[in-house]
Every structure is written in C-alpha cells, then in structure tokens.
Amino acid sequence: MTHQEMITTLTTRLGWPEAKVSELLRATAEVIGNQLSEPGTLSLPGVGDLISRKNREYISLDPETGERYLMPPAVDLVFRLAPELKEQFAPERDS
C-alpha cells in the first residue's frame, strides 16, 4: 500500500477530509520516529512491537589498506510480530 492509498482508505473509513488524514499520518510518523530514536519499545496492540536498540561506536579496519575508521553509534530497529498474528503469517509446513 502506498502512502496515497493509505490516505484514501483512511479518508473513506473515517469520513475525514484528506488534509486532516494526511496531517494525522504525518504527526503519527513523527511521534513514532521520536520514540524510536532512543533505545526502547513501541507497542502497537494487535500488530506487534517496534524495538530500537542503540549500537555502540566501533573501529573498523580496512583489510586492504590497514586504515582504521571510527564507525558512529547507530540505532537498529527490530519488529516483533504480535502473537495473535504469528499463526496467521506462519509458513505452512508439509506433513
């Protein structure tokens, strides 16, 4: 689903003007981004958890030149599917 398709779908379902739905989605994305910029968990009931983890800085070594590079800290984002959806999306197994 594209961003525009999501706006159109929500506009229809909520009966709101497109501008209001667009602003809601922008604000939601901003709140989620701010929440996950630091280590922590954002729970989305019925969907799952978004977990952010901060990796420490480290020194990388170029094997060809021997040069060392300081790699900055980074935030990793992991998604954990809600238990009620795991069965729905679990791969089928041959018996």
PDB file of N, CA and C in Angstrom:
ATOM      1  N   MET A   1       0.840  -1.172   0.000  1.00  0.00           N
ATOM      2  CA  MET A   1       0.000   0.000   0.000  1.00  0.00           C
ATOM      3  C   MET A   1       0.889   1.241   0.000  1.00  0.00           C
ATOM      4  N   THR A   2       0.607   2.144  -0.869  1.00  0.00           N
ATOM      5  CA  THR A   2       1.364   3.391  -0.925  1.00  0.00           C
ATOM      6  C   THR A   2       0.803   4.383   0.094  1.00  0.00           C
ATOM      7  N   HIS A   3       1.563   5.457   0.312  1.00  0.00           N
ATOM      8  CA  HIS A   3       1.128   6.500   1.230  1.00  0.00           C
ATOM      9  C   HIS A   3      -0.211   7.076   0.785  1.00  0.00           C
ATOM     10  N   GLN A   4      -0.340   7.363  -0.507  1.00  0.00           N
ATOM     11  CA  GLN A   4      -1.585   7.942  -1.022  1.00  0.00           C
ATOM     12  C   GLN A   4      -2.748   6.967  -0.879  1.00  0.00           C
ATOM     13  N   GLU A   5      -2.507   5.677  -1.106  1.00  0.00           N
ATOM     14  CA  GLU A   5      -3.564   4.677  -0.935  1.00  0.00           C
ATOM     15  C   GLU A   5      -4.024   4.621   0.519  1.00  0.00           C
ATOM     16  N   MET A   6      -3.078   4.752   1.444  1.00  0.00           N
ATOM     17  CA  MET A   6      -3.431   4.749   2.868  1.00  0.00           C
ATOM     18  C   MET A   6      -4.286   5.971   3.207  1.00  0.00           C
ATOM     19  N   ILE A   7      -3.900   7.127   2.685  1.00  0.00           N
ATOM     20  CA  ILE A   7      -4.680   8.346   2.929  1.00  0.00           C
ATOM     21  C   ILE A   7      -6.092   8.188   2.367  1.00  0.00           C
ATOM     22  N   THR A   8      -6.205   7.669   1.153  1.00  0.00           N
ATOM     23  CA  THR A   8      -7.513   7.480   0.525  1.00  0.00           C
ATOM     24  C   THR A   8      -8.374   6.505   1.334  1.00  0.00           C
ATOM     25  N   THR A   9      -7.785   5.399   1.773  1.00  0.00           N
ATOM     26  CA  THR A   9      -8.517   4.405   2.555  1.00  0.00           C
ATOM     27  C   THR A   9      -8.994   4.991   3.879  1.00  0.00           C
ATOM     28  N   LEU A  10      -8.108   5.692   4.585  1.00  0.00           N
ATOM     29  CA  LEU A  10      -8.488   6.282   5.866  1.00  0.00           C
ATOM     30  C   LEU A  10      -9.508   7.402   5.692  1.00  0.00           C
ATOM     31  N   THR A  11      -9.395   8.174   4.632  1.00  0.00           N
ATOM     32  CA  THR A  11     -10.365   9.230   4.348  1.00  0.00           C
ATOM     33  C   THR A  11     -11.760   8.626   4.198  1.00  0.00           C
ATOM     34  N   THR A  12     -11.837   7.519   3.479  1.00  0.00           N
ATOM     35  CA  THR A  12     -13.118   6.849   3.266  1.00  0.00           C
ATOM     36  C   THR A  12     -13.649   6.248   4.568  1.00  0.00           C
ATOM     37  N   ARG A  13     -12.799   5.540   5.299  1.00  0.00           N
ATOM     38  CA  ARG A  13     -13.246   4.856   6.517  1.00  0.00           C
ATOM     39  C   ARG A  13     -13.616   5.814   7.635  1.00  0.00           C
ATOM     40  N   LEU A  14     -12.846   6.903   7.791  1.00  0.00           N
ATOM     41  CA  LEU A  14     -13.095   7.838   8.883  1.00  0.00           C
ATOM     42  C   LEU A  14     -14.076   8.946   8.518  1.00  0.00           C
ATOM     43  N   GLY A  15     -14.246   9.169   7.222  1.00  0.00           N
ATOM     44  CA  GLY A  15     -15.114  10.250   6.796  1.00  0.00           C
ATOM     45  C   GLY A  15     -14.501  11.619   7.051  1.00  0.00           C
ATOM     46  N   TRP A  16     -13.175  11.665   7.114  1.00  0.00           N
ATOM     47  CA  TRP A  16     -12.462  12.926   7.365  1.00  0.00           C
ATOM     48  C   TRP A  16     -11.959  13.488   6.047  1.00  0.00           C
ATOM     49  N   PRO A  17     -11.670  14.799   6.033  1.00  0.00           N
ATOM     50  CA  PRO A  17     -11.059  15.379   4.834  1.00  0.00           C
ATOM     51  C   PRO A  17      -9.636  14.840   4.642  1.00  0.00           C
ATOM     52  N   GLU A  18      -9.211  14.770   3.400  1.00  0.00           N
ATOM     53  CA  GLU A  18      -7.878  14.239   3.090  1.00  0.00           C
ATOM     54  C   GLU A  18      -6.772  15.001   3.816  1.00  0.00           C
ATOM     55  N   ALA A  19      -6.899  16.307   3.941  1.00  0.00           N
ATOM     56  CA  ALA A  19      -5.866  17.112   4.621  1.00  0.00           C
ATOM     57  C   ALA A  19      -5.730  16.716   6.086  1.00  0.00           C
ATOM     58  N   LYS A  20      -6.855  16.434   6.745  1.00  0.00           N
ATOM     59  CA  LYS A  20      -6.820  16.039   8.162  1.00  0.00           C
ATOM     60  C   LYS A  20      -6.163  14.663   8.319  1.00  0.00           C
ATOM     61  N   VAL A  21      -6.495  13.734   7.437  1.00  0.00           N
ATOM     62  CA  VAL A  21      -5.902  12.393   7.480  1.00  0.00           C
ATOM     63  C   VAL A  21      -4.400  12.473   7.205  1.00  0.00           C
ATOM     64  N   SER A  22      -4.010  13.280   6.237  1.00  0.00           N
ATOM     65  CA  SER A  22      -2.595  13.444   5.909  1.00  0.00           C
ATOM     66  C   SER A  22      -1.823  14.007   7.100  1.00  0.00           C
ATOM     67  N   GLU A  23      -2.389  14.998   7.774  1.00  0.00           N
ATOM     68  CA  GLU A  23      -1.748  15.589   8.959  1.00  0.00           C
ATOM     69  C   GLU A  23      -1.655  14.566  10.084  1.00  0.00           C
ATOM     70  N   LEU A  24      -2.691  13.751  10.267  1.00  0.00           N
ATOM     71  CA  LEU A  24      -2.671  12.704  11.282  1.00  0.00           C
ATOM     72  C   LEU A  24      -1.541  11.714  11.018  1.00  0.00           C
ATOM     73  N   LEU A  25      -1.397  11.279   9.764  1.00  0.00           N
ATOM     74  CA  LEU A  25      -0.334  10.334   9.425  1.00  0.00           C
ATOM     75  C   LEU A  25       1.051  10.953   9.616  1.00  0.00           C
ATOM     76  N   ARG A  26       1.211  12.231   9.239  1.00  0.00           N
ATOM     77  CA  ARG A  26       2.486  12.915   9.419  1.00  0.00           C
ATOM     78  C   ARG A  26       2.838  13.009  10.900  1.00  0.00           C
ATOM     79  N   ALA A  27       1.857  13.401  11.725  1.00  0.00           N
ATOM     80  CA  ALA A  27       2.088  13.520  13.164  1.00  0.00           C
ATOM     81  C   ALA A  27       2.389  12.161  13.790  1.00  0.00           C
ATOM     82  N   THR A  28       1.689  11.124  13.351  1.00  0.00           N
ATOM     83  CA  THR A  28       1.920   9.764  13.859  1.00  0.00           C
ATOM     84  C   THR A  28       3.342   9.310  13.531  1.00  0.00           C
ATOM     85  N   ALA A  29       3.771   9.525  12.303  1.00  0.00           N
ATOM     86  CA  ALA A  29       5.129   9.141  11.906  1.00  0.00           C
ATOM     87  C   ALA A  29       6.171   9.912  12.711  1.00  0.00           C
ATOM     88  N   GLU A  30       5.909  11.177  12.981  1.00  0.00           N
ATOM     89  CA  GLU A  30       6.835  11.985  13.772  1.00  0.00           C
ATOM     90  C   GLU A  30       6.946  11.469  15.203  1.00  0.00           C
ATOM     91  N   VAL A  31       5.818  11.147  15.817  1.00  0.00           N
ATOM     92  CA  VAL A  31       5.821  10.615  17.186  1.00  0.00           C
ATOM     93  C   VAL A  31       6.552   9.281  17.244  1.00  0.00           C
ATOM     94  N   ILE A  32       6.279   8.397  16.282  1.00  0.00           N
ATOM     95  CA  ILE A  32       6.953   7.089  16.244  1.00  0.00           C
ATOM     96  C   ILE A  32       8.451   7.287  16.047  1.00  0.00           C
ATOM     97  N   GLY A  33       8.834   8.149  15.134  1.00  0.00           N
ATOM     98  CA  GLY A  33      10.256   8.415  14.898  1.00  0.00           C
ATOM     99  C   GLY A  33      10.958   8.948  16.131  1.00  0.00           C
ATOM    100  N   ASN A  34      10.324   9.882  16.826  1.00  0.00           N
ATOM    101  CA  ASN A  34      10.915  10.422  18.058  1.00  0.00           C
ATOM    102  C   ASN A  34      11.044   9.354  19.133  1.00  0.00           C
ATOM    103  N   GLN A  35      10.022   8.517  19.257  1.00  0.00           N
ATOM    104  CA  GLN A  35      10.036   7.462  20.271  1.00  0.00           C
ATOM    105  C   GLN A  35      11.144   6.452  20.011  1.00  0.00           C
ATOM    106  N   LEU A  36      11.379   6.132  18.741  1.00  0.00           N
ATOM    107  CA  LEU A  36      12.339   5.085  18.406  1.00  0.00           C
ATOM    108  C   LEU A  36      13.742   5.613  18.156  1.00  0.00           C
ATOM    109  N   SER A  37      13.952   6.922  18.259  1.00  0.00           N
ATOM    110  CA  SER A  37      15.298   7.467  18.060  1.00  0.00           C
ATOM    111  C   SER A  37      16.211   7.127  19.235  1.00  0.00           C
ATOM    112  N   GLU A  38      15.638   6.756  20.339  1.00  0.00           N
ATOM    113  CA  GLU A  38      16.378   6.301  21.517  1.00  0.00           C
ATOM    114  C   GLU A  38      15.989   4.844  21.788  1.00  0.00           C
ATOM    115  N   PRO A  39      16.844   4.092  22.479  1.00  0.00           N
ATOM    116  CA  PRO A  39      16.501   2.698  22.774  1.00  0.00           C
ATOM    117  C   PRO A  39      15.176   2.593  23.525  1.00  0.00           C
ATOM    118  N   GLY A  40      14.377   1.645  23.128  1.00  0.00           N
ATOM    119  CA  GLY A  40      13.096   1.428  23.775  1.00  0.00           C
ATOM    120  C   GLY A  40      12.176   0.606  22.903  1.00  0.00           C
ATOM    121  N   THR A  41      10.945   0.438  23.377  1.00  0.00           N
ATOM    122  CA  THR A  41       9.957  -0.367  22.670  1.00  0.00           C
ATOM    123  C   THR A  41       8.690   0.442  22.470  1.00  0.00           C
ATOM    124  N   LEU A  42       8.129   0.343  21.292  1.00  0.00           N
ATOM    125  CA  LEU A  42       6.844   0.954  20.985  1.00  0.00           C
ATOM    126  C   LEU A  42       5.891  -0.185  20.666  1.00  0.00           C
ATOM    127  N   SER A  43       4.890  -0.375  21.514  1.00  0.00           N
ATOM    128  CA  SER A  43       3.927  -1.459  21.325  1.00  0.00           C
ATOM    129  C   SER A  43       2.761  -0.978  20.479  1.00  0.00           C
ATOM    130  N   LEU A  44       2.430  -1.759  19.473  1.00  0.00           N
ATOM    131  CA  LEU A  44       1.279  -1.486  18.616  1.00  0.00           C
ATOM    132  C   LEU A  44       0.304  -2.645  18.815  1.00  0.00           C
ATOM    133  N   PRO A  45      -0.709  -2.470  19.678  1.00  0.00           N
ATOM    134  CA  PRO A  45      -1.620  -3.568  20.007  1.00  0.00           C
ATOM    135  C   PRO A  45      -2.224  -4.208  18.760  1.00  0.00           C
ATOM    136  N   GLY A  46      -2.192  -5.531  18.745  1.00  0.00           N
ATOM    137  CA  GLY A  46      -2.740  -6.279  17.623  1.00  0.00           C
ATOM    138  C   GLY A  46      -1.828  -6.358  16.427  1.00  0.00           C
ATOM    139  N   VAL A  47      -0.687  -5.645  16.468  1.00  0.00           N
ATOM    140  CA  VAL A  47       0.254  -5.646  15.347  1.00  0.00           C
ATOM    141  C   VAL A  47       1.592  -6.212  15.788  1.00  0.00           C
ATOM    142  N   GLY A  48       2.148  -5.654  16.857  1.00  0.00           N
ATOM    143  CA  GLY A  48       3.438  -6.125  17.358  1.00  0.00           C
ATOM    144  C   GLY A  48       4.201  -5.011  18.039  1.00  0.00           C
ATOM    145  N   ASP A  49       5.493  -5.224  18.216  1.00  0.00           N
ATOM    146  CA  ASP A  49       6.357  -4.262  18.888  1.00  0.00           C
ATOM    147  C   ASP A  49       7.476  -3.819  17.961  1.00  0.00           C
ATOM    148  N   LEU A  50       7.750  -2.525  17.981  1.00  0.00           N
ATOM    149  CA  LEU A  50       8.926  -1.972  17.319  1.00  0.00           C
ATOM    150  C   LEU A  50       9.950  -1.721  18.418  1.00  0.00           C
ATOM    151  N   ILE A  51      11.110  -2.322  18.276  1.00  0.00           N
ATOM    152  CA  ILE A  51      12.135  -2.244  19.313  1.00  0.00           C
ATOM    153  C   ILE A  51      13.367  -1.565  18.726  1.00  0.00           C
ATOM    154  N   SER A  52      13.804  -0.494  19.382  1.00  0.00           N
ATOM    155  CA  SER A  52      15.019   0.173  18.920  1.00  0.00           C
ATOM    156  C   SER A  52      16.144  -0.118  19.898  1.00  0.00           C
ATOM    157  N   ARG A  53      17.300  -0.402  19.334  1.00  0.00           N
ATOM    158  CA  ARG A  53      18.498  -0.702  20.132  1.00  0.00           C
ATOM    159  C   ARG A  53      19.635   0.157  19.603  1.00  0.00           C
ATOM    160  N   LYS A  54      20.390   0.714  20.511  1.00  0.00           N
ATOM    161  CA  LYS A  54      21.496   1.565  20.103  1.00  0.00           C
ATOM    162  C   LYS A  54      22.783   0.741  20.124  1.00  0.00           C
ATOM    163  N   ASN A  55      23.480   0.731  18.990  1.00  0.00           N
ATOM    164  CA  ASN A  55      24.770   0.053  18.903  1.00  0.00           C
ATOM    165  C   ASN A  55      25.868   1.050  19.222  1.00  0.00           C
ATOM    166  N   ARG A  56      26.872   0.604  19.929  1.00  0.00           N
ATOM    167  CA  ARG A  56      27.974   1.475  20.302  1.00  0.00           C
ATOM    168  C   ARG A  56      28.858   1.757  19.093  1.00  0.00           C
ATOM    169  N   GLU A  57      29.628   2.833  19.204  1.00  0.00           N
ATOM    170  CA  GLU A  57      30.585   3.114  18.145  1.00  0.00           C
ATOM    171  C   GLU A  57      31.680   2.045  18.184  1.00  0.00           C
ATOM    172  N   TYR A  58      32.335   1.833  17.060  1.00  0.00           N
ATOM    173  CA  TYR A  58      33.409   0.851  16.995  1.00  0.00           C
ATOM    174  C   TYR A  58      34.411   1.265  15.923  1.00  0.00           C
ATOM    175  N   ILE A  59      35.561   0.621  15.974  1.00  0.00           N
ATOM    176  CA  ILE A  59      36.606   0.912  14.994  1.00  0.00           C
ATOM    177  C   ILE A  59      36.607  -0.197  13.954  1.00  0.00           C
ATOM    178  N   SER A  60      36.519   0.211  12.688  1.00  0.00           N
ATOM    179  CA  SER A  60      36.541  -0.723  11.577  1.00  0.00           C
ATOM    180  C   SER A  60      37.915  -0.660  10.919  1.00  0.00           C
ATOM    181  N   LEU A  61      38.418  -1.795  10.515  1.00  0.00           N
ATOM    182  CA  LEU A  61      39.737  -1.876   9.888  1.00  0.00           C
ATOM    183  C   LEU A  61      39.580  -2.315   8.438  1.00  0.00           C
ATOM    184  N   ASP A  62      40.119  -1.518   7.516  1.00  0.00           N
ATOM    185  CA  ASP A  62      40.110  -1.873   6.094  1.00  0.00           C
ATOM    186  C   ASP A  62      41.213  -2.907   5.884  1.00  0.00           C
ATOM    187  N   PRO A  63      40.873  -4.156   5.509  1.00  0.00           N
ATOM    188  CA  PRO A  63      41.880  -5.212   5.400  1.00  0.00           C
ATOM    189  C   PRO A  63      42.907  -4.960   4.287  1.00  0.00           C
ATOM    190  N   GLU A  64      42.536  -4.210   3.274  1.00  0.00           N
ATOM    191  CA  GLU A  64      43.464  -3.973   2.167  1.00  0.00           C
ATOM    192  C   GLU A  64      44.470  -2.879   2.470  1.00  0.00           C
ATOM    193  N   THR A  65      44.009  -1.798   3.084  1.00  0.00           N
ATOM    194  CA  THR A  65      44.905  -0.656   3.324  1.00  0.00           C
ATOM    195  C   THR A  65      45.409  -0.584   4.752  1.00  0.00           C
ATOM    196  N   GLY A  66      44.722  -1.273   5.659  1.00  0.00           N
ATOM    197  CA  GLY A  66      45.101  -1.212   7.063  1.00  0.00           C
ATOM    198  C   GLY A  66      44.581   0.050   7.750  1.00  0.00           C
ATOM    199  N   GLU A  67      43.833   0.874   7.024  1.00  0.00           N
ATOM    200  CA  GLU A  67      43.298   2.092   7.624  1.00  0.00           C
ATOM    201  C   GLU A  67      42.191   1.754   8.617  1.00  0.00           C
ATOM    202  N   ARG A  68      42.133   2.566   9.672  1.00  0.00           N
ATOM    203  CA  ARG A  68      41.119   2.395  10.707  1.00  0.00           C
ATOM    204  C   ARG A  68      40.097   3.515  10.584  1.00  0.00           C
ATOM    205  N   TYR A  69      38.838   3.157  10.776  1.00  0.00           N
ATOM    206  CA  TYR A  69      37.740   4.110  10.693  1.00  0.00           C
ATOM    207  C   TYR A  69      36.891   4.008  11.946  1.00  0.00           C
ATOM    208  N   LEU A  70      36.529   5.152  12.496  1.00  0.00           N
ATOM    209  CA  LEU A  70      35.615   5.177  13.630  1.00  0.00           C
ATOM    210  C   LEU A  70      34.191   5.168  13.088  1.00  0.00           C
ATOM    211  N   MET A  71      33.459   4.112  13.396  1.00  0.00           N
ATOM    212  CA  MET A  71      32.079   3.985  12.954  1.00  0.00           C
ATOM    213  C   MET A  71      31.185   4.551  14.054  1.00  0.00           C
ATOM    214  N   PRO A  72      30.305   5.493  13.726  1.00  0.00           N
ATOM    215  CA  PRO A  72      29.471   6.146  14.741  1.00  0.00           C
ATOM    216  C   PRO A  72      28.417   5.197  15.311  1.00  0.00           C
ATOM    217  N   PRO A  73      27.868   5.563  16.465  1.00  0.00           N
ATOM    218  CA  PRO A  73      26.776   4.754  17.016  1.00  0.00           C
ATOM    219  C   PRO A  73      25.598   4.748  16.050  1.00  0.00           C
ATOM    220  N   ALA A  74      24.840   3.689  16.082  1.00  0.00           N
ATOM    221  CA  ALA A  74      23.688   3.569  15.193  1.00  0.00           C
ATOM    222  C   ALA A  74      22.517   2.978  15.960  1.00  0.00           C
ATOM    223  N   VAL A  75      21.321   3.252  15.496  1.00  0.00           N
ATOM    224  CA  VAL A  75      20.119   2.700  16.100  1.00  0.00           C
ATOM    225  C   VAL A  75      19.573   1.630  15.157  1.00  0.00           C
ATOM    226  N   ASP A  76      19.399   0.413  15.678  1.00  0.00           N
ATOM    227  CA  ASP A  76      18.791  -0.683  14.918  1.00  0.00           C
ATOM    228  C   ASP A  76      17.324  -0.772  15.292  1.00  0.00           C
ATOM    229  N   LEU A  77      16.489  -1.058  14.314  1.00  0.00           N
ATOM    230  CA  LEU A  77      15.065  -1.205  14.544  1.00  0.00           C
ATOM    231  C   LEU A  77      14.665  -2.641  14.230  1.00  0.00           C
ATOM    232  N   VAL A  78      13.990  -3.268  15.189  1.00  0.00           N
ATOM    233  CA  VAL A  78      13.549  -4.659  15.057  1.00  0.00           C
ATOM    234  C   VAL A  78      12.036  -4.689  15.237  1.00  0.00           C
ATOM    235  N   PHE A  79      11.350  -5.492  14.435  1.00  0.00           N
ATOM    236  CA  PHE A  79       9.909  -5.653  14.576  1.00  0.00           C
ATOM    237  C   PHE A  79       9.612  -7.055  15.082  1.00  0.00           C
ATOM    238  N   ARG A  80       8.799  -7.130  16.141  1.00  0.00           N
ATOM    239  CA  ARG A  80       8.372  -8.425  16.690  1.00  0.00           C
ATOM    240  C   ARG A  80       6.857  -8.521  16.502  1.00  0.00           C
ATOM    241  N   LEU A  81       6.430  -9.478  15.696  1.00  0.00           N
ATOM    242  CA  LEU A  81       5.026  -9.667  15.348  1.00  0.00           C
ATOM    243  C   LEU A  81       4.214 -10.076  16.579  1.00  0.00           C
ATOM    244  N   ALA A  82       3.013  -9.545  16.710  1.00  0.00           N
ATOM    245  CA  ALA A  82       2.120  -9.893  17.819  1.00  0.00           C
ATOM    246  C   ALA A  82       1.797 -11.382  17.766  1.00  0.00           C
ATOM    247  N   PRO A  83       1.696 -12.023  18.944  1.00  0.00           N
ATOM    248  CA  PRO A  83       1.425 -13.468  18.980  1.00  0.00           C
ATOM    249  C   PRO A  83       0.177 -13.869  18.202  1.00  0.00           C
ATOM    250  N   GLU A  84      -0.876 -13.046  18.254  1.00  0.00           N
ATOM    251  CA  GLU A  84      -2.109 -13.418  17.552  1.00  0.00           C
ATOM    252  C   GLU A  84      -1.958 -13.387  16.037  1.00  0.00           C
ATOM    253  N   LEU A  85      -0.930 -12.712  15.531  1.00  0.00           N
ATOM    254  CA  LEU A  85      -0.690 -12.682  14.089  1.00  0.00           C
ATOM    255  C   LEU A  85       0.327 -13.724  13.637  1.00  0.00           C
ATOM    256  N   LYS A  86       1.098 -14.251  14.578  1.00  0.00           N
ATOM    257  CA  LYS A  86       2.134 -15.227  14.211  1.00  0.00           C
ATOM    258  C   LYS A  86       1.551 -16.432  13.494  1.00  0.00           C
ATOM    259  N   GLU A  87       0.444 -16.947  13.991  1.00  0.00           N
ATOM    260  CA  GLU A  87      -0.170 -18.121  13.361  1.00  0.00           C
ATOM    261  C   GLU A  87      -0.694 -17.792  11.978  1.00  0.00           C
ATOM    262  N   GLN A  88      -1.242 -16.585  11.813  1.00  0.00           N
ATOM    263  CA  GLN A  88      -1.782 -16.168  10.529  1.00  0.00           C
ATOM    264  C   GLN A  88      -0.707 -16.065   9.466  1.00  0.00           C
ATOM    265  N   PHE A  89       0.491 -15.638   9.873  1.00  0.00           N
ATOM    266  CA  PHE A  89       1.574 -15.426   8.911  1.00  0.00           C
ATOM    267  C   PHE A  89       2.645 -16.510   8.967  1.00  0.00           C
ATOM    268  N   ALA A  90       2.414 -17.555   9.757  1.00  0.00           N
ATOM    269  CA  ALA A  90       3.391 -18.630   9.861  1.00  0.00           C
ATOM    270  C   ALA A  90       3.432 -19.402   8.545  1.00  0.00           C
ATOM    271  N   PRO A  91       4.636 -19.802   8.109  1.00  0.00           N
ATOM    272  CA  PRO A  91       4.731 -20.582   6.880  1.00  0.00           C
ATOM    273  C   PRO A  91       4.060 -21.945   7.047  1.00  0.00           C
ATOM    274  N   GLU A  92       3.442 -22.410   5.979  1.00  0.00           N
ATOM    275  CA  GLU A  92       2.807 -23.726   6.022  1.00  0.00           C
ATOM    276  C   GLU A  92       3.870 -24.806   5.999  1.00  0.00           C
ATOM    277  N   ARG A  93       3.620 -25.875   6.738  1.00  0.00           N
ATOM    278  CA  ARG A  93       4.575 -26.983   6.808  1.00  0.00           C
ATOM    279  C   ARG A  93       3.987 -28.197   6.129  1.00  0.00           C
ATOM    280  N   ASP A  94       4.828 -28.889   5.378  1.00  0.00           N
ATOM    281  CA  ASP A  94       4.390 -30.132   4.744  1.00  0.00           C
ATOM    282  C   ASP A  94       4.382 -31.238   5.777  1.00  0.00           C
ATOM    283  N   SER A  95       3.347 -32.086   5.746  1.00  0.00           N
ATOM    284  CA  SER A  95       3.237 -33.174   6.714  1.00  0.00           C
ATOM    285  C   SER A  95       3.935 -34.398   6.222  1.00  0.00           C
TER     286      SER A  95
END
